[in-house]
Amino acid sequence: MIRNFFKVVAVVTSAFLPVAGMAADCVEDAGDSVTLRYRGKPVQAKVIESYTALIAPRDLTNSRGVRLNDVAAVLQQDRANVHKTGKLDGDGYFSDQYDGYFTSLKQRSQFGSARYYTACYMTEADNAALKSAIVNARVEGAIWVVAFRHPKGGLGIYLSEVN
């Protein structure tokens, strides 16, 4: 009975802890390098590329007309649209930018196996809202995408809304 009491207390207590205060993996700072909170400790990671992406309705379907329903696929299609057609979505402040990394299908395919991160101050609800905004082309502004070398190998992607 006492063991069950402590389980209940632990569950109830954890429900009131702020998400940003927990040791979840997230990005503390991004610029020329990324400060990644990885397994509870800050780790520096080398930035490969950063750019802004305006997620438009044409980014939500692939070249076969199939509706894309996950962030990785939408970001990959956005970069394909930029590099294959050369047309940038938007005009003015909120628009697609060219990047020098996701220029080939091989490079763009890394979106599928990348590890995705948001800022440490974002709550789970914020993260869910950002994901929904991307897959439904309802981002208020643009998405800042920062690609970096993950400490465990492979690609890391930091996403932040710019508005």
N, C-alpha and C. Protein backbone atom coordinates (compact mmCIF):
# COMPACT_ATOMS: atom_id res chain seq x y z
N MET A 1 0.81 -1.18 0.00
CA MET A 1 0.00 0.00 0.00
C MET A 1 0.86 1.26 0.00
N ILE A 2 1.90 1.28 0.81
CA ILE A 2 2.78 2.45 0.85
C ILE A 2 3.50 2.60 -0.49
N ARG A 3 3.90 1.50 -1.11
CA ARG A 3 4.57 1.55 -2.40
C ARG A 3 3.64 2.20 -3.43
N ASN A 4 2.37 1.83 -3.44
CA ASN A 4 1.41 2.44 -4.37
C ASN A 4 1.22 3.93 -4.09
N PHE A 5 1.23 4.30 -2.82
CA PHE A 5 1.11 5.71 -2.45
C PHE A 5 2.24 6.52 -3.08
N PHE A 6 3.49 6.03 -2.99
CA PHE A 6 4.63 6.75 -3.55
C PHE A 6 4.56 6.80 -5.07
N LYS A 7 4.03 5.78 -5.70
CA LYS A 7 3.84 5.81 -7.16
C LYS A 7 2.86 6.91 -7.54
N VAL A 8 1.76 7.01 -6.81
CA VAL A 8 0.77 8.04 -7.08
C VAL A 8 1.37 9.42 -6.85
N VAL A 9 2.09 9.61 -5.75
CA VAL A 9 2.73 10.90 -5.47
C VAL A 9 3.71 11.26 -6.58
N ALA A 10 4.49 10.30 -7.05
CA ALA A 10 5.46 10.56 -8.13
C ALA A 10 4.75 10.97 -9.41
N VAL A 11 3.68 10.31 -9.77
CA VAL A 11 2.94 10.64 -10.99
C VAL A 11 2.31 12.02 -10.87
N VAL A 12 1.66 12.30 -9.73
CA VAL A 12 1.01 13.60 -9.53
C VAL A 12 2.06 14.71 -9.51
N THR A 13 3.16 14.52 -8.85
CA THR A 13 4.22 15.53 -8.79
C THR A 13 4.79 15.81 -10.17
N SER A 14 5.06 14.77 -10.95
CA SER A 14 5.65 14.98 -12.28
C SER A 14 4.69 15.70 -13.21
N ALA A 15 3.39 15.59 -12.98
CA ALA A 15 2.42 16.28 -13.82
C ALA A 15 2.50 17.79 -13.63
N PHE A 16 2.99 18.25 -12.47
CA PHE A 16 3.07 19.68 -12.21
C PHE A 16 4.43 20.29 -12.54
N LEU A 17 5.40 19.48 -12.90
CA LEU A 17 6.71 20.01 -13.25
C LEU A 17 6.65 20.67 -14.62
N PRO A 18 7.28 21.81 -14.80
CA PRO A 18 7.30 22.43 -16.13
C PRO A 18 8.15 21.58 -17.07
N VAL A 19 7.69 21.47 -18.31
CA VAL A 19 8.40 20.65 -19.28
C VAL A 19 9.81 21.16 -19.51
N ALA A 20 9.97 22.48 -19.59
CA ALA A 20 11.31 23.05 -19.85
C ALA A 20 12.27 22.74 -18.72
N GLY A 21 11.79 22.52 -17.53
CA GLY A 21 12.65 22.24 -16.40
C GLY A 21 13.10 20.80 -16.32
N MET A 22 12.50 19.95 -17.11
CA MET A 22 12.86 18.54 -17.09
C MET A 22 14.08 18.33 -17.97
N ALA A 23 14.71 17.19 -17.85
CA ALA A 23 15.94 16.92 -18.58
C ALA A 23 15.67 16.38 -19.98
N ALA A 24 14.64 16.90 -20.63
CA ALA A 24 14.33 16.46 -21.99
C ALA A 24 15.38 17.02 -22.95
N ASP A 25 15.61 16.32 -24.03
CA ASP A 25 16.53 16.81 -25.04
C ASP A 25 15.89 17.98 -25.77
N CYS A 26 16.64 19.06 -25.90
CA CYS A 26 16.13 20.28 -26.52
C CYS A 26 17.32 21.14 -26.90
N VAL A 27 17.06 22.24 -27.58
CA VAL A 27 18.12 23.18 -27.96
C VAL A 27 18.03 24.41 -27.07
N GLU A 28 19.14 24.71 -26.40
CA GLU A 28 19.21 25.89 -25.53
C GLU A 28 19.55 27.14 -26.31
N ASP A 29 20.37 27.00 -27.35
CA ASP A 29 20.83 28.14 -28.12
C ASP A 29 21.24 27.67 -29.51
N ALA A 30 20.97 28.47 -30.51
CA ALA A 30 21.37 28.13 -31.87
C ALA A 30 21.91 29.38 -32.56
N GLY A 31 22.95 29.21 -33.30
CA GLY A 31 23.60 30.29 -34.04
C GLY A 31 24.63 29.65 -34.94
N ASP A 32 25.91 30.02 -34.76
CA ASP A 32 26.97 29.38 -35.52
C ASP A 32 27.18 27.93 -35.06
N SER A 33 26.81 27.67 -33.81
CA SER A 33 26.79 26.32 -33.29
C SER A 33 25.49 26.15 -32.51
N VAL A 34 25.18 24.91 -32.19
CA VAL A 34 23.96 24.62 -31.44
C VAL A 34 24.36 24.13 -30.06
N THR A 35 23.73 24.69 -29.03
CA THR A 35 23.89 24.14 -27.69
C THR A 35 22.70 23.24 -27.45
N LEU A 36 22.96 21.97 -27.52
CA LEU A 36 21.93 20.95 -27.40
C LEU A 36 21.93 20.42 -25.97
N ARG A 37 20.77 20.40 -25.33
CA ARG A 37 20.66 19.75 -24.03
C ARG A 37 20.37 18.30 -24.35
N TYR A 38 21.41 17.46 -24.22
CA TYR A 38 21.35 16.05 -24.61
C TYR A 38 21.62 15.19 -23.39
N ARG A 39 20.64 14.38 -23.03
CA ARG A 39 20.73 13.53 -21.84
C ARG A 39 21.04 14.36 -20.59
N GLY A 40 20.42 15.53 -20.53
CA GLY A 40 20.53 16.37 -19.35
C GLY A 40 21.76 17.26 -19.29
N LYS A 41 22.64 17.18 -20.28
CA LYS A 41 23.87 17.98 -20.25
C LYS A 41 23.99 18.81 -21.53
N PRO A 42 24.55 20.02 -21.42
CA PRO A 42 24.74 20.83 -22.63
C PRO A 42 25.89 20.28 -23.48
N VAL A 43 25.64 20.19 -24.76
CA VAL A 43 26.63 19.68 -25.72
C VAL A 43 26.65 20.62 -26.91
N GLN A 44 27.84 21.01 -27.35
CA GLN A 44 27.97 21.85 -28.55
C GLN A 44 27.94 20.96 -29.79
N ALA A 45 27.22 21.41 -30.80
CA ALA A 45 27.14 20.69 -32.06
C ALA A 45 27.38 21.67 -33.21
N LYS A 46 28.06 21.20 -34.24
CA LYS A 46 28.41 22.04 -35.37
C LYS A 46 27.21 22.21 -36.31
N VAL A 47 26.90 23.47 -36.61
CA VAL A 47 25.82 23.77 -37.56
C VAL A 47 26.32 23.48 -38.97
N ILE A 48 25.49 22.77 -39.72
CA ILE A 48 25.79 22.47 -41.13
C ILE A 48 25.17 23.54 -42.02
N GLU A 49 23.92 23.88 -41.71
CA GLU A 49 23.17 24.82 -42.55
C GLU A 49 22.00 25.37 -41.75
N SER A 50 21.61 26.59 -42.03
CA SER A 50 20.37 27.13 -41.48
C SER A 50 19.69 27.96 -42.56
N TYR A 51 18.37 27.96 -42.51
CA TYR A 51 17.59 28.69 -43.50
C TYR A 51 16.17 28.87 -42.97
N THR A 52 15.41 29.73 -43.62
CA THR A 52 13.99 29.84 -43.29
C THR A 52 13.20 29.16 -44.39
N ALA A 53 12.11 28.54 -43.98
CA ALA A 53 11.22 27.85 -44.90
C ALA A 53 9.81 28.37 -44.69
N LEU A 54 9.18 28.79 -45.75
CA LEU A 54 7.77 29.14 -45.70
C LEU A 54 7.02 27.90 -46.18
N ILE A 55 6.28 27.28 -45.28
CA ILE A 55 5.57 26.06 -45.64
C ILE A 55 4.28 26.45 -46.36
N ALA A 56 4.21 26.08 -47.62
CA ALA A 56 3.09 26.42 -48.48
C ALA A 56 2.29 25.16 -48.82
N PRO A 57 1.08 25.30 -49.31
CA PRO A 57 0.28 24.12 -49.66
C PRO A 57 0.99 23.15 -50.61
N ARG A 58 1.82 23.66 -51.52
CA ARG A 58 2.51 22.75 -52.45
C ARG A 58 3.56 21.88 -51.75
N ASP A 59 3.95 22.25 -50.53
CA ASP A 59 4.91 21.46 -49.76
C ASP A 59 4.25 20.26 -49.07
N LEU A 60 2.92 20.21 -49.11
CA LEU A 60 2.18 19.18 -48.38
C LEU A 60 1.90 17.93 -49.21
N THR A 61 2.26 17.93 -50.48
CA THR A 61 2.08 16.73 -51.32
C THR A 61 3.39 16.43 -52.04
N ASN A 62 3.64 15.14 -52.22
CA ASN A 62 4.86 14.77 -52.93
C ASN A 62 4.64 14.82 -54.44
N SER A 63 5.65 14.47 -55.22
CA SER A 63 5.57 14.57 -56.67
C SER A 63 4.54 13.63 -57.28
N ARG A 64 4.07 12.63 -56.52
CA ARG A 64 3.02 11.73 -56.99
C ARG A 64 1.64 12.17 -56.52
N GLY A 65 1.57 13.31 -55.85
CA GLY A 65 0.29 13.84 -55.39
C GLY A 65 -0.19 13.27 -54.07
N VAL A 66 0.66 12.53 -53.37
CA VAL A 66 0.29 11.94 -52.09
C VAL A 66 0.45 12.98 -50.99
N ARG A 67 -0.59 13.12 -50.14
CA ARG A 67 -0.57 14.07 -49.02
C ARG A 67 0.46 13.62 -47.98
N LEU A 68 1.31 14.54 -47.57
CA LEU A 68 2.35 14.26 -46.57
C LEU A 68 1.83 14.62 -45.19
N ASN A 69 2.08 13.74 -44.21
CA ASN A 69 1.50 13.95 -42.89
C ASN A 69 2.51 13.98 -41.76
N ASP A 70 3.80 14.11 -42.07
CA ASP A 70 4.76 14.24 -40.98
C ASP A 70 5.76 15.35 -41.31
N VAL A 71 6.32 15.89 -40.25
CA VAL A 71 7.21 17.05 -40.38
C VAL A 71 8.38 16.77 -41.30
N ALA A 72 9.03 15.62 -41.15
CA ALA A 72 10.20 15.29 -41.97
C ALA A 72 9.85 15.29 -43.45
N ALA A 73 8.74 14.69 -43.81
CA ALA A 73 8.34 14.62 -45.22
C ALA A 73 8.01 16.00 -45.78
N VAL A 74 7.35 16.83 -44.99
CA VAL A 74 7.01 18.18 -45.45
C VAL A 74 8.28 19.02 -45.63
N LEU A 75 9.21 18.94 -44.68
CA LEU A 75 10.47 19.68 -44.83
C LEU A 75 11.26 19.19 -46.03
N GLN A 76 11.28 17.88 -46.25
CA GLN A 76 11.99 17.32 -47.40
C GLN A 76 11.35 17.83 -48.70
N GLN A 77 10.02 17.84 -48.76
CA GLN A 77 9.34 18.31 -49.97
C GLN A 77 9.56 19.81 -50.18
N ASP A 78 9.57 20.58 -49.11
CA ASP A 78 9.85 22.01 -49.22
C ASP A 78 11.21 22.24 -49.89
N ARG A 79 12.22 21.50 -49.43
CA ARG A 79 13.55 21.65 -50.02
C ARG A 79 13.59 21.14 -51.45
N ALA A 80 12.87 20.08 -51.76
CA ALA A 80 12.80 19.60 -53.15
C ALA A 80 12.18 20.67 -54.03
N ASN A 81 11.10 21.30 -53.56
CA ASN A 81 10.46 22.36 -54.35
C ASN A 81 11.41 23.53 -54.57
N VAL A 82 12.18 23.88 -53.56
CA VAL A 82 13.14 24.98 -53.70
C VAL A 82 14.23 24.62 -54.70
N HIS A 83 14.81 23.44 -54.57
CA HIS A 83 15.98 23.10 -55.38
C HIS A 83 15.64 22.55 -56.77
N LYS A 84 14.50 21.91 -56.92
CA LYS A 84 14.12 21.39 -58.25
C LYS A 84 13.53 22.48 -59.14
N THR A 85 12.67 23.31 -58.58
CA THR A 85 11.99 24.33 -59.39
C THR A 85 12.68 25.68 -59.33
N GLY A 86 13.43 25.92 -58.26
CA GLY A 86 14.07 27.21 -58.09
C GLY A 86 13.11 28.30 -57.66
N LYS A 87 11.84 27.93 -57.44
CA LYS A 87 10.85 28.92 -57.01
C LYS A 87 10.76 28.93 -55.49
N LEU A 88 10.83 30.13 -54.95
CA LEU A 88 10.74 30.30 -53.51
C LEU A 88 9.33 30.72 -53.15
N ASP A 89 8.76 30.09 -52.11
CA ASP A 89 7.44 30.48 -51.64
C ASP A 89 7.55 31.77 -50.85
N GLY A 90 6.55 32.62 -50.99
CA GLY A 90 6.50 33.86 -50.24
C GLY A 90 7.26 34.97 -50.93
N ASP A 91 7.12 36.13 -50.37
CA ASP A 91 7.87 37.29 -50.84
C ASP A 91 8.08 38.20 -49.64
N GLY A 92 9.18 38.85 -49.64
CA GLY A 92 9.47 39.74 -48.52
C GLY A 92 10.09 39.00 -47.35
N TYR A 93 9.68 39.40 -46.15
CA TYR A 93 10.31 38.90 -44.93
C TYR A 93 10.10 37.41 -44.71
N PHE A 94 8.86 36.93 -44.90
CA PHE A 94 8.57 35.52 -44.68
C PHE A 94 8.58 34.79 -46.01
N SER A 95 9.70 34.16 -46.30
CA SER A 95 9.82 33.43 -47.56
C SER A 95 10.86 32.32 -47.41
N ASP A 96 10.82 31.41 -48.38
CA ASP A 96 11.84 30.37 -48.42
C ASP A 96 13.20 31.02 -48.69
N GLN A 97 14.24 30.41 -48.15
CA GLN A 97 15.60 30.79 -48.48
C GLN A 97 16.28 29.58 -49.10
N TYR A 98 17.22 29.84 -49.97
CA TYR A 98 18.05 28.75 -50.50
C TYR A 98 18.97 28.25 -49.39
N ASP A 99 19.36 27.01 -49.50
CA ASP A 99 20.37 26.45 -48.61
C ASP A 99 21.38 25.73 -49.49
N GLY A 100 22.55 25.50 -48.96
CA GLY A 100 23.60 24.83 -49.73
C GLY A 100 23.78 23.37 -49.37
N TYR A 101 22.92 22.84 -48.52
CA TYR A 101 23.10 21.46 -48.05
C TYR A 101 22.09 20.48 -48.63
N PHE A 102 20.82 20.86 -48.67
CA PHE A 102 19.77 19.93 -49.09
C PHE A 102 19.50 20.02 -50.60
N THR A 103 20.55 20.16 -51.37
CA THR A 103 20.43 20.35 -52.81
C THR A 103 20.17 19.06 -53.59
N SER A 104 20.49 17.92 -53.03
CA SER A 104 20.30 16.64 -53.74
C SER A 104 19.30 15.76 -53.00
N LEU A 105 18.74 14.80 -53.71
CA LEU A 105 17.82 13.85 -53.10
C LEU A 105 18.49 13.11 -51.96
N LYS A 106 19.75 12.75 -52.13
CA LYS A 106 20.48 12.04 -51.07
C LYS A 106 20.53 12.87 -49.79
N GLN A 107 20.85 14.15 -49.92
CA GLN A 107 20.91 15.02 -48.74
C GLN A 107 19.52 15.23 -48.14
N ARG A 108 18.52 15.45 -49.00
CA ARG A 108 17.16 15.69 -48.50
C ARG A 108 16.59 14.46 -47.80
N SER A 109 17.00 13.28 -48.21
CA SER A 109 16.48 12.05 -47.59
C SER A 109 16.90 11.94 -46.13
N GLN A 110 17.90 12.69 -45.71
CA GLN A 110 18.32 12.68 -44.30
C GLN A 110 17.25 13.23 -43.36
N PHE A 111 16.29 13.99 -43.88
CA PHE A 111 15.20 14.47 -43.04
C PHE A 111 14.47 13.30 -42.37
N GLY A 112 14.36 12.19 -43.09
CA GLY A 112 13.62 11.04 -42.58
C GLY A 112 14.25 10.37 -41.37
N SER A 113 15.57 10.44 -41.24
CA SER A 113 16.26 9.78 -40.13
C SER A 113 16.82 10.77 -39.11
N ALA A 114 16.58 12.06 -39.32
CA ALA A 114 17.11 13.08 -38.42
C ALA A 114 16.42 13.04 -37.06
N ARG A 115 17.10 13.59 -36.06
CA ARG A 115 16.51 13.79 -34.73
C ARG A 115 16.06 15.25 -34.67
N TYR A 116 14.82 15.46 -34.25
CA TYR A 116 14.22 16.79 -34.26
C TYR A 116 14.16 17.40 -32.86
N TYR A 117 14.42 18.72 -32.80
CA TYR A 117 14.46 19.43 -31.53
C TYR A 117 13.78 20.78 -31.66
N THR A 118 13.29 21.26 -30.54
CA THR A 118 12.78 22.62 -30.43
C THR A 118 13.48 23.27 -29.25
N ALA A 119 13.13 24.51 -28.97
CA ALA A 119 13.76 25.24 -27.87
C ALA A 119 13.36 24.63 -26.52
N CYS A 120 14.25 24.71 -25.56
CA CYS A 120 14.01 24.14 -24.24
C CYS A 120 12.83 24.78 -23.52
N TYR A 121 12.50 26.03 -23.83
CA TYR A 121 11.38 26.68 -23.16
C TYR A 121 10.02 26.23 -23.70
N MET A 122 10.00 25.51 -24.81
CA MET A 122 8.72 25.10 -25.39
C MET A 122 8.11 23.94 -24.61
N THR A 123 6.80 24.01 -24.43
CA THR A 123 6.08 22.94 -23.74
C THR A 123 5.70 21.86 -24.75
N GLU A 124 5.22 20.75 -24.26
CA GLU A 124 4.74 19.69 -25.16
C GLU A 124 3.59 20.20 -26.02
N ALA A 125 2.74 21.05 -25.45
CA ALA A 125 1.64 21.63 -26.22
C ALA A 125 2.18 22.53 -27.33
N ASP A 126 3.22 23.32 -27.03
CA ASP A 126 3.85 24.17 -28.05
C ASP A 126 4.41 23.31 -29.19
N ASN A 127 5.08 22.21 -28.82
CA ASN A 127 5.67 21.32 -29.82
C ASN A 127 4.59 20.70 -30.69
N ALA A 128 3.50 20.26 -30.09
CA ALA A 128 2.39 19.68 -30.85
C ALA A 128 1.78 20.71 -31.80
N ALA A 129 1.64 21.95 -31.32
CA ALA A 129 1.09 23.02 -32.15
C ALA A 129 2.01 23.33 -33.33
N LEU A 130 3.31 23.35 -33.10
CA LEU A 130 4.27 23.60 -34.18
C LEU A 130 4.21 22.48 -35.21
N LYS A 131 4.19 21.25 -34.75
CA LYS A 131 4.10 20.10 -35.67
C LYS A 131 2.83 20.20 -36.51
N SER A 132 1.71 20.48 -35.87
CA SER A 132 0.44 20.60 -36.59
C SER A 132 0.49 21.75 -37.60
N ALA A 133 1.07 22.87 -37.20
CA ALA A 133 1.18 24.03 -38.11
C ALA A 133 2.01 23.68 -39.34
N ILE A 134 3.08 22.92 -39.16
CA ILE A 134 3.93 22.55 -40.29
C ILE A 134 3.19 21.60 -41.23
N VAL A 135 2.61 20.53 -40.71
CA VAL A 135 1.97 19.53 -41.58
C VAL A 135 0.67 20.02 -42.19
N ASN A 136 0.16 21.16 -41.73
CA ASN A 136 -1.06 21.73 -42.30
C ASN A 136 -0.84 23.07 -42.98
N ALA A 137 0.44 23.47 -43.15
CA ALA A 137 0.81 24.74 -43.79
C ALA A 137 0.09 25.93 -43.14
N ARG A 138 0.07 25.93 -41.80
CA ARG A 138 -0.57 27.02 -41.07
C ARG A 138 0.40 27.72 -40.13
N VAL A 139 1.64 27.75 -40.49
CA VAL A 139 2.65 28.43 -39.68
C VAL A 139 2.44 29.93 -39.83
N GLU A 140 2.42 30.63 -38.72
CA GLU A 140 2.28 32.09 -38.76
C GLU A 140 3.66 32.68 -38.97
N GLY A 141 4.04 32.85 -40.20
CA GLY A 141 5.37 33.33 -40.55
C GLY A 141 6.12 32.22 -41.26
N ALA A 142 7.35 31.98 -40.82
CA ALA A 142 8.20 30.97 -41.44
C ALA A 142 8.78 30.07 -40.36
N ILE A 143 9.45 29.04 -40.79
CA ILE A 143 10.14 28.13 -39.89
C ILE A 143 11.64 28.34 -40.07
N TRP A 144 12.34 28.52 -38.97
CA TRP A 144 13.80 28.57 -39.01
C TRP A 144 14.26 27.14 -38.81
N VAL A 145 15.00 26.64 -39.77
CA VAL A 145 15.50 25.27 -39.75
C VAL A 145 17.02 25.33 -39.59
N VAL A 146 17.54 24.67 -38.56
CA VAL A 146 18.97 24.61 -38.34
C VAL A 146 19.37 23.14 -38.35
N ALA A 147 20.17 22.77 -39.34
CA ALA A 147 20.66 21.40 -39.44
C ALA A 147 22.04 21.35 -38.79
N PHE A 148 22.26 20.32 -37.97
CA PHE A 148 23.55 20.20 -37.28
C PHE A 148 23.96 18.74 -37.16
N ARG A 149 25.26 18.54 -36.93
CA ARG A 149 25.79 17.19 -36.69
C ARG A 149 25.41 16.77 -35.30
N HIS A 150 24.64 15.70 -35.18
CA HIS A 150 24.22 15.22 -33.88
C HIS A 150 25.38 14.54 -33.17
N PRO A 151 25.51 14.70 -31.86
CA PRO A 151 26.62 14.07 -31.12
C PRO A 151 26.66 12.54 -31.25
N LYS A 152 25.52 11.92 -31.52
CA LYS A 152 25.48 10.46 -31.69
C LYS A 152 25.63 10.07 -33.16
N GLY A 153 25.93 11.03 -34.02
CA GLY A 153 26.05 10.77 -35.45
C GLY A 153 24.74 11.11 -36.15
N GLY A 154 24.82 11.27 -37.42
CA GLY A 154 23.62 11.62 -38.18
C GLY A 154 23.29 13.09 -38.07
N LEU A 155 22.09 13.40 -38.47
CA LEU A 155 21.66 14.77 -38.57
C LEU A 155 20.71 15.14 -37.43
N GLY A 156 20.87 16.32 -36.89
CA GLY A 156 19.94 16.90 -35.95
C GLY A 156 19.28 18.09 -36.63
N ILE A 157 18.01 18.31 -36.34
CA ILE A 157 17.28 19.43 -36.91
C ILE A 157 16.61 20.21 -35.78
N TYR A 158 16.92 21.50 -35.70
CA TYR A 158 16.27 22.39 -34.74
C TYR A 158 15.24 23.20 -35.51
N LEU A 159 14.01 23.25 -34.99
CA LEU A 159 12.93 24.00 -35.63
C LEU A 159 12.43 25.09 -34.70
N SER A 160 12.21 26.26 -35.27
CA SER A 160 11.67 27.38 -34.50
C SER A 160 10.78 28.21 -35.42
N GLU A 161 9.67 28.65 -34.89
CA GLU A 161 8.77 29.50 -35.67
C GLU A 161 9.30 30.93 -35.67
N VAL A 162 9.29 31.57 -36.81
CA VAL A 162 9.72 32.97 -36.95
C VAL A 162 8.50 33.76 -37.35
N ASN A 163 8.05 34.67 -36.47
CA ASN A 163 6.88 35.48 -36.84
C ASN A 163 7.00 36.88 -36.29
